[in-house]
Structure formats: structure tokens, C-alpha cells
Amino acid sequence: EGQNPLPFALAELIDNSLSATSRNTGI
């Protein structure tokens, strides 16, 4: 696809945090 993979690499790390915080009752 000829895309810059760096944003996808950072997105993968953020995705771990999105999953980890998905059940937070607060912020």
C-alpha cells in the first residue's frame, strides 16, 4: 500500500490502552 507504517505502529500501542480503559467508570 506504500503507506508510512509509523502511524499504524503508534495506533497499535494506543489500541492496547483503549482496550485497557474500556471498562473505566471514570475518566
PDB file of all heavy atoms in Angstrom:
ATOM      1  N   GLU A   1       0.806  -1.210   0.000  1.00  0.00           N
ATOM      2  CA  GLU A   1       0.000   0.000   0.000  1.00  0.00           C
ATOM      3  C   GLU A   1       0.846   1.269   0.000  1.00  0.00           C
ATOM      4  O   GLU A   1       0.327   2.369  -0.146  1.00  0.00           O
ATOM      5  CB  GLU A   1      -0.948   0.004   1.200  1.00  0.00           C
ATOM      6  CG  GLU A   1      -1.972  -1.135   1.145  1.00  0.00           C
ATOM      7  CD  GLU A   1      -3.028  -1.012   2.219  1.00  0.00           C
ATOM      8  OE1 GLU A   1      -3.109   0.069   2.851  1.00  0.00           O
ATOM      9  OE2 GLU A   1      -3.763  -1.984   2.435  1.00  0.00           O
ATOM     10  N   GLY A   2       2.159   1.126   0.192  1.00  0.00           N
ATOM     11  CA  GLY A   2       3.044   2.271   0.129  1.00  0.00           C
ATOM     12  C   GLY A   2       2.774   3.330   1.177  1.00  0.00           C
ATOM     13  O   GLY A   2       3.051   4.514   0.966  1.00  0.00           O
ATOM     14  N   GLN A   3       2.228   2.931   2.315  1.00  0.00           N
ATOM     15  CA  GLN A   3       1.912   3.901   3.353  1.00  0.00           C
ATOM     16  C   GLN A   3       3.031   3.964   4.390  1.00  0.00           C
ATOM     17  O   GLN A   3       3.789   3.010   4.576  1.00  0.00           O
ATOM     18  CB  GLN A   3       0.595   3.532   4.047  1.00  0.00           C
ATOM     19  CG  GLN A   3      -0.601   3.527   3.105  1.00  0.00           C
ATOM     20  CD  GLN A   3      -1.901   3.435   3.884  1.00  0.00           C
ATOM     21  OE1 GLN A   3      -2.130   4.196   4.822  1.00  0.00           O
ATOM     22  NE2 GLN A   3      -2.749   2.494   3.493  1.00  0.00           N
ATOM     23  N   ASN A   4       3.107   5.088   5.084  1.00  0.00           N
ATOM     24  CA  ASN A   4       4.056   5.237   6.178  1.00  0.00           C
ATOM     25  C   ASN A   4       3.559   4.407   7.365  1.00  0.00           C
ATOM     26  O   ASN A   4       2.485   4.685   7.908  1.00  0.00           O
ATOM     27  CB  ASN A   4       4.159   6.715   6.566  1.00  0.00           C
ATOM     28  CG  ASN A   4       5.087   6.941   7.755  1.00  0.00           C
ATOM     29  OD1 ASN A   4       5.705   6.003   8.248  1.00  0.00           O
ATOM     30  ND2 ASN A   4       5.167   8.174   8.219  1.00  0.00           N
ATOM     31  N   PRO A   5       4.290   3.380   7.793  1.00  0.00           N
ATOM     32  CA  PRO A   5       3.781   2.497   8.843  1.00  0.00           C
ATOM     33  C   PRO A   5       3.862   3.080  10.256  1.00  0.00           C
ATOM     34  O   PRO A   5       3.281   2.509  11.166  1.00  0.00           O
ATOM     35  CB  PRO A   5       4.685   1.263   8.724  1.00  0.00           C
ATOM     36  CG  PRO A   5       5.959   1.788   8.144  1.00  0.00           C
ATOM     37  CD  PRO A   5       5.577   2.925   7.241  1.00  0.00           C
ATOM     38  N   LEU A   6       4.574   4.199  10.460  1.00  0.00           N
ATOM     39  CA  LEU A   6       4.729   4.723  11.822  1.00  0.00           C
ATOM     40  C   LEU A   6       3.388   5.034  12.491  1.00  0.00           C
ATOM     41  O   LEU A   6       3.187   4.651  13.656  1.00  0.00           O
ATOM     42  CB  LEU A   6       5.625   5.961  11.827  1.00  0.00           C
ATOM     43  CG  LEU A   6       5.893   6.578  13.209  1.00  0.00           C
ATOM     44  CD1 LEU A   6       6.526   5.550  14.145  1.00  0.00           C
ATOM     45  CD2 LEU A   6       6.798   7.798  13.077  1.00  0.00           C
ATOM     46  N   PRO A   7       2.434   5.699  11.813  1.00  0.00           N
ATOM     47  CA  PRO A   7       1.140   5.946  12.476  1.00  0.00           C
ATOM     48  C   PRO A   7       0.439   4.661  12.903  1.00  0.00           C
ATOM     49  O   PRO A   7      -0.195   4.611  13.956  1.00  0.00           O
ATOM     50  CB  PRO A   7       0.334   6.693  11.408  1.00  0.00           C
ATOM     51  CG  PRO A   7       1.365   7.336  10.538  1.00  0.00           C
ATOM     52  CD  PRO A   7       2.506   6.362  10.498  1.00  0.00           C
ATOM     53  N   PHE A   8       0.575   3.597  12.090  1.00  0.00           N
ATOM     54  CA  PHE A   8      -0.061   2.341  12.449  1.00  0.00           C
ATOM     55  C   PHE A   8       0.611   1.719  13.671  1.00  0.00           C
ATOM     56  O   PHE A   8      -0.034   1.104  14.508  1.00  0.00           O
ATOM     57  CB  PHE A   8      -0.020   1.371  11.265  1.00  0.00           C
ATOM     58  CG  PHE A   8      -0.788   1.840  10.068  1.00  0.00           C
ATOM     59  CD1 PHE A   8      -0.146   2.069   8.862  1.00  0.00           C
ATOM     60  CD2 PHE A   8      -2.149   2.073  10.142  1.00  0.00           C
ATOM     61  CE1 PHE A   8      -0.852   2.508   7.757  1.00  0.00           C
ATOM     62  CE2 PHE A   8      -2.865   2.512   9.043  1.00  0.00           C
ATOM     63  CZ  PHE A   8      -2.222   2.729   7.844  1.00  0.00           C
ATOM     64  N   ALA A   9       1.938   1.871  13.764  1.00  0.00           N
ATOM     65  CA  ALA A   9       2.653   1.344  14.931  1.00  0.00           C
ATOM     66  C   ALA A   9       2.204   2.060  16.199  1.00  0.00           C
ATOM     67  O   ALA A   9       1.945   1.430  17.230  1.00  0.00           O
ATOM     68  CB  ALA A   9       4.159   1.501  14.734  1.00  0.00           C
ATOM     69  N   LEU A  10       2.106   3.395  16.147  1.00  0.00           N
ATOM     70  CA  LEU A  10       1.634   4.145  17.313  1.00  0.00           C
ATOM     71  C   LEU A  10       0.181   3.803  17.625  1.00  0.00           C
ATOM     72  O   LEU A  10      -0.209   3.692  18.791  1.00  0.00           O
ATOM     73  CB  LEU A  10       1.793   5.644  17.065  1.00  0.00           C
ATOM     74  CG  LEU A  10       3.232   6.155  16.939  1.00  0.00           C
ATOM     75  CD1 LEU A  10       3.253   7.642  16.640  1.00  0.00           C
ATOM     76  CD2 LEU A  10       4.025   5.871  18.210  1.00  0.00           C
ATOM     77  N   ALA A  11      -0.633   3.622  16.580  1.00  0.00           N
ATOM     78  CA  ALA A  11      -2.039   3.282  16.792  1.00  0.00           C
ATOM     79  C   ALA A  11      -2.180   1.951  17.518  1.00  0.00           C
ATOM     80  O   ALA A  11      -3.072   1.776  18.351  1.00  0.00           O
ATOM     81  CB  ALA A  11      -2.770   3.233  15.447  1.00  0.00           C
ATOM     82  N   GLU A  12      -1.298   1.015  17.223  1.00  0.00           N
ATOM     83  CA  GLU A  12      -1.340  -0.292  17.882  1.00  0.00           C
ATOM     84  C   GLU A  12      -1.111  -0.139  19.389  1.00  0.00           C
ATOM     85  O   GLU A  12      -1.775  -0.776  20.207  1.00  0.00           O
ATOM     86  CB  GLU A  12      -0.288  -1.218  17.280  1.00  0.00           C
ATOM     87  CG  GLU A  12      -0.344  -2.647  17.806  1.00  0.00           C
ATOM     88  CD  GLU A  12      -1.560  -3.409  17.301  1.00  0.00           C
ATOM     89  OE1 GLU A  12      -1.960  -3.186  16.149  1.00  0.00           O
ATOM     90  OE2 GLU A  12      -2.099  -4.214  18.078  1.00  0.00           O
ATOM     91  N   LEU A  13      -0.151   0.706  19.764  1.00  0.00           N
ATOM     92  CA  LEU A  13       0.136   0.925  21.185  1.00  0.00           C
ATOM     93  C   LEU A  13      -1.035   1.633  21.860  1.00  0.00           C
ATOM     94  O   LEU A  13      -1.386   1.324  23.006  1.00  0.00           O
ATOM     95  CB  LEU A  13       1.423   1.738  21.337  1.00  0.00           C
ATOM     96  CG  LEU A  13       2.671   1.108  20.708  1.00  0.00           C
ATOM     97  CD1 LEU A  13       3.883   2.019  20.894  1.00  0.00           C
ATOM     98  CD2 LEU A  13       2.947  -0.266  21.305  1.00  0.00           C
ATOM     99  N   ILE A  14      -1.638   2.588  21.168  1.00  0.00           N
ATOM    100  CA  ILE A  14      -2.801   3.286  21.727  1.00  0.00           C
ATOM    101  C   ILE A  14      -3.972   2.322  21.876  1.00  0.00           C
ATOM    102  O   ILE A  14      -4.736   2.386  22.846  1.00  0.00           O
ATOM    103  CB  ILE A  14      -3.198   4.477  20.825  1.00  0.00           C
ATOM    104  CG1 ILE A  14      -2.063   5.495  20.760  1.00  0.00           C
ATOM    105  CG2 ILE A  14      -4.472   5.144  21.336  1.00  0.00           C
ATOM    106  CD1 ILE A  14      -2.261   6.569  19.714  1.00  0.00           C
ATOM    107  N   ASP A  15      -4.113   1.399  20.928  1.00  0.00           N
ATOM    108  CA  ASP A  15      -5.217   0.445  20.968  1.00  0.00           C
ATOM    109  C   ASP A  15      -5.159  -0.409  22.230  1.00  0.00           C
ATOM    110  O   ASP A  15      -6.195  -0.747  22.817  1.00  0.00           O
ATOM    111  CB  ASP A  15      -5.176  -0.452  19.728  1.00  0.00           C
ATOM    112  CG  ASP A  15      -6.379  -1.370  19.653  1.00  0.00           C
ATOM    113  OD1 ASP A  15      -7.509  -0.855  19.554  1.00  0.00           O
ATOM    114  OD2 ASP A  15      -6.204  -2.593  19.709  1.00  0.00           O
ATOM    115  N   ASN A  16      -3.937  -0.759  22.666  1.00  0.00           N
ATOM    116  CA  ASN A  16      -3.811  -1.505  23.920  1.00  0.00           C
ATOM    117  C   ASN A  16      -4.405  -0.705  25.073  1.00  0.00           C
ATOM    118  O   ASN A  16      -5.085  -1.250  25.945  1.00  0.00           O
ATOM    119  CB  ASN A  16      -2.340  -1.819  24.208  1.00  0.00           C
ATOM    120  CG  ASN A  16      -1.786  -2.894  23.295  1.00  0.00           C
ATOM    121  OD1 ASN A  16      -2.523  -3.712  22.767  1.00  0.00           O
ATOM    122  ND2 ASN A  16      -0.485  -2.891  23.105  1.00  0.00           N
ATOM    123  N   SER A  17      -4.139   0.611  25.092  1.00  0.00           N
ATOM    124  CA  SER A  17      -4.659   1.456  26.158  1.00  0.00           C
ATOM    125  C   SER A  17      -6.168   1.635  26.042  1.00  0.00           C
ATOM    126  O   SER A  17      -6.874   1.707  27.051  1.00  0.00           O
ATOM    127  CB  SER A  17      -3.969   2.827  26.135  1.00  0.00           C
ATOM    128  OG  SER A  17      -2.606   2.706  26.508  1.00  0.00           O
ATOM    129  N   LEU A  18      -6.679   1.716  24.806  1.00  0.00           N
ATOM    130  CA  LEU A  18      -8.129   1.830  24.620  1.00  0.00           C
ATOM    131  C   LEU A  18      -8.834   0.595  25.179  1.00  0.00           C
ATOM    132  O   LEU A  18      -9.872   0.704  25.839  1.00  0.00           O
ATOM    133  CB  LEU A  18      -8.454   1.998  23.135  1.00  0.00           C
ATOM    134  CG  LEU A  18      -8.155   3.361  22.510  1.00  0.00           C
ATOM    135  CD1 LEU A  18      -8.375   3.311  20.999  1.00  0.00           C
ATOM    136  CD2 LEU A  18      -9.010   4.440  23.130  1.00  0.00           C
ATOM    137  N   SER A  19      -8.269  -0.577  24.927  1.00  0.00           N
ATOM    138  CA  SER A  19      -8.861  -1.806  25.457  1.00  0.00           C
ATOM    139  C   SER A  19      -8.762  -1.847  26.979  1.00  0.00           C
ATOM    140  O   SER A  19      -9.703  -2.240  27.667  1.00  0.00           O
ATOM    141  CB  SER A  19      -8.157  -3.031  24.851  1.00  0.00           C
ATOM    142  OG  SER A  19      -8.349  -3.083  23.459  1.00  0.00           O
ATOM    143  N   ALA A  20      -7.607  -1.429  27.511  1.00  0.00           N
ATOM    144  CA  ALA A  20      -7.387  -1.490  28.960  1.00  0.00           C
ATOM    145  C   ALA A  20      -8.302  -0.535  29.716  1.00  0.00           C
ATOM    146  O   ALA A  20      -8.660  -0.795  30.862  1.00  0.00           O
ATOM    147  CB  ALA A  20      -5.925  -1.172  29.271  1.00  0.00           C
ATOM    148  N   THR A  21      -8.681   0.584  29.099  1.00  0.00           N
ATOM    149  CA  THR A  21      -9.512   1.579  29.781  1.00  0.00           C
ATOM    150  C   THR A  21     -10.986   1.466  29.408  1.00  0.00           C
ATOM    151  O   THR A  21     -11.799   2.290  29.837  1.00  0.00           O
ATOM    152  CB  THR A  21      -9.034   3.008  29.445  1.00  0.00           C
ATOM    153  OG1 THR A  21      -9.105   3.210  28.029  1.00  0.00           O
ATOM    154  CG2 THR A  21      -7.604   3.225  29.910  1.00  0.00           C
ATOM    155  N   SER A  22     -11.356   0.469  28.623  1.00  0.00           N
ATOM    156  CA  SER A  22     -12.724   0.384  28.097  1.00  0.00           C
ATOM    157  C   SER A  22     -13.763   0.213  29.187  1.00  0.00           C
ATOM    158  O   SER A  22     -14.922   0.575  29.002  1.00  0.00           O
ATOM    159  CB  SER A  22     -12.831  -0.762  27.084  1.00  0.00           C
ATOM    160  OG  SER A  22     -12.543  -2.001  27.711  1.00  0.00           O
ATOM    161  N   ARG A  23     -13.354  -0.334  30.343  1.00  0.00           N
ATOM    162  CA  ARG A  23     -14.316  -0.562  31.428  1.00  0.00           C
ATOM    163  C   ARG A  23     -14.182   0.460  32.549  1.00  0.00           C
ATOM    164  O   ARG A  23     -14.775   0.296  33.614  1.00  0.00           O
ATOM    165  CB  ARG A  23     -14.121  -1.969  31.995  1.00  0.00           C
ATOM    166  CG  ARG A  23     -14.451  -3.070  30.981  1.00  0.00           C
ATOM    167  CD  ARG A  23     -14.370  -4.442  31.625  1.00  0.00           C
ATOM    168  NE  ARG A  23     -14.693  -5.505  30.676  1.00  0.00           N
ATOM    169  CZ  ARG A  23     -14.722  -6.796  30.995  1.00  0.00           C
ATOM    170  NH1 ARG A  23     -14.430  -7.181  32.229  1.00  0.00           N
ATOM    171  NH2 ARG A  23     -15.049  -7.702  30.086  1.00  0.00           N
ATOM    172  N   ASN A  24     -13.407   1.492  32.337  1.00  0.00           N
ATOM    173  CA  ASN A  24     -13.282   2.532  33.363  1.00  0.00           C
ATOM    174  C   ASN A  24     -14.648   3.158  33.638  1.00  0.00           C
ATOM    175  O   ASN A  24     -15.399   3.455  32.717  1.00  0.00           O
ATOM    176  CB  ASN A  24     -12.310   3.633  32.909  1.00  0.00           C
ATOM    177  CG  ASN A  24     -10.861   3.203  33.010  1.00  0.00           C
ATOM    178  OD1 ASN A  24     -10.567   2.017  33.058  1.00  0.00           O
ATOM    179  ND2 ASN A  24      -9.954   4.163  33.022  1.00  0.00           N
ATOM    180  N   THR A  25     -14.942   3.366  34.922  1.00  0.00           N
ATOM    181  CA  THR A  25     -16.196   4.039  35.274  1.00  0.00           C
ATOM    182  C   THR A  25     -16.016   5.554  35.294  1.00  0.00           C
ATOM    183  O   THR A  25     -16.984   6.292  35.233  1.00  0.00           O
ATOM    184  CB  THR A  25     -16.677   3.573  36.657  1.00  0.00           C
ATOM    185  OG1 THR A  25     -15.629   3.787  37.625  1.00  0.00           O
ATOM    186  CG2 THR A  25     -17.028   2.088  36.626  1.00  0.00           C
ATOM    187  N   GLY A  26     -14.794   6.010  35.390  1.00  0.00           N
ATOM    188  CA  GLY A  26     -14.496   7.436  35.394  1.00  0.00           C
ATOM    189  C   GLY A  26     -13.783   7.852  34.123  1.00  0.00           C
ATOM    190  O   GLY A  26     -14.006   7.298  33.045  1.00  0.00           O
ATOM    191  N   ILE A  27     -12.891   8.815  34.254  1.00  0.00           N
ATOM    192  CA  ILE A  27     -12.168   9.354  33.106  1.00  0.00           C
ATOM    193  C   ILE A  27     -11.207   8.308  32.538  1.00  0.00           C
ATOM    194  O   ILE A  27     -10.533   7.601  33.277  1.00  0.00           O
ATOM    195  CB  ILE A  27     -11.389  10.617  33.507  1.00  0.00           C
ATOM    196  CG1 ILE A  27     -12.382  11.732  33.883  1.00  0.00           C
ATOM    197  CG2 ILE A  27     -10.475  11.088  32.378  1.00  0.00           C
ATOM    198  CD1 ILE A  27     -11.699  12.982  34.396  1.00  0.00           C
TER     199      ILE A  27
END
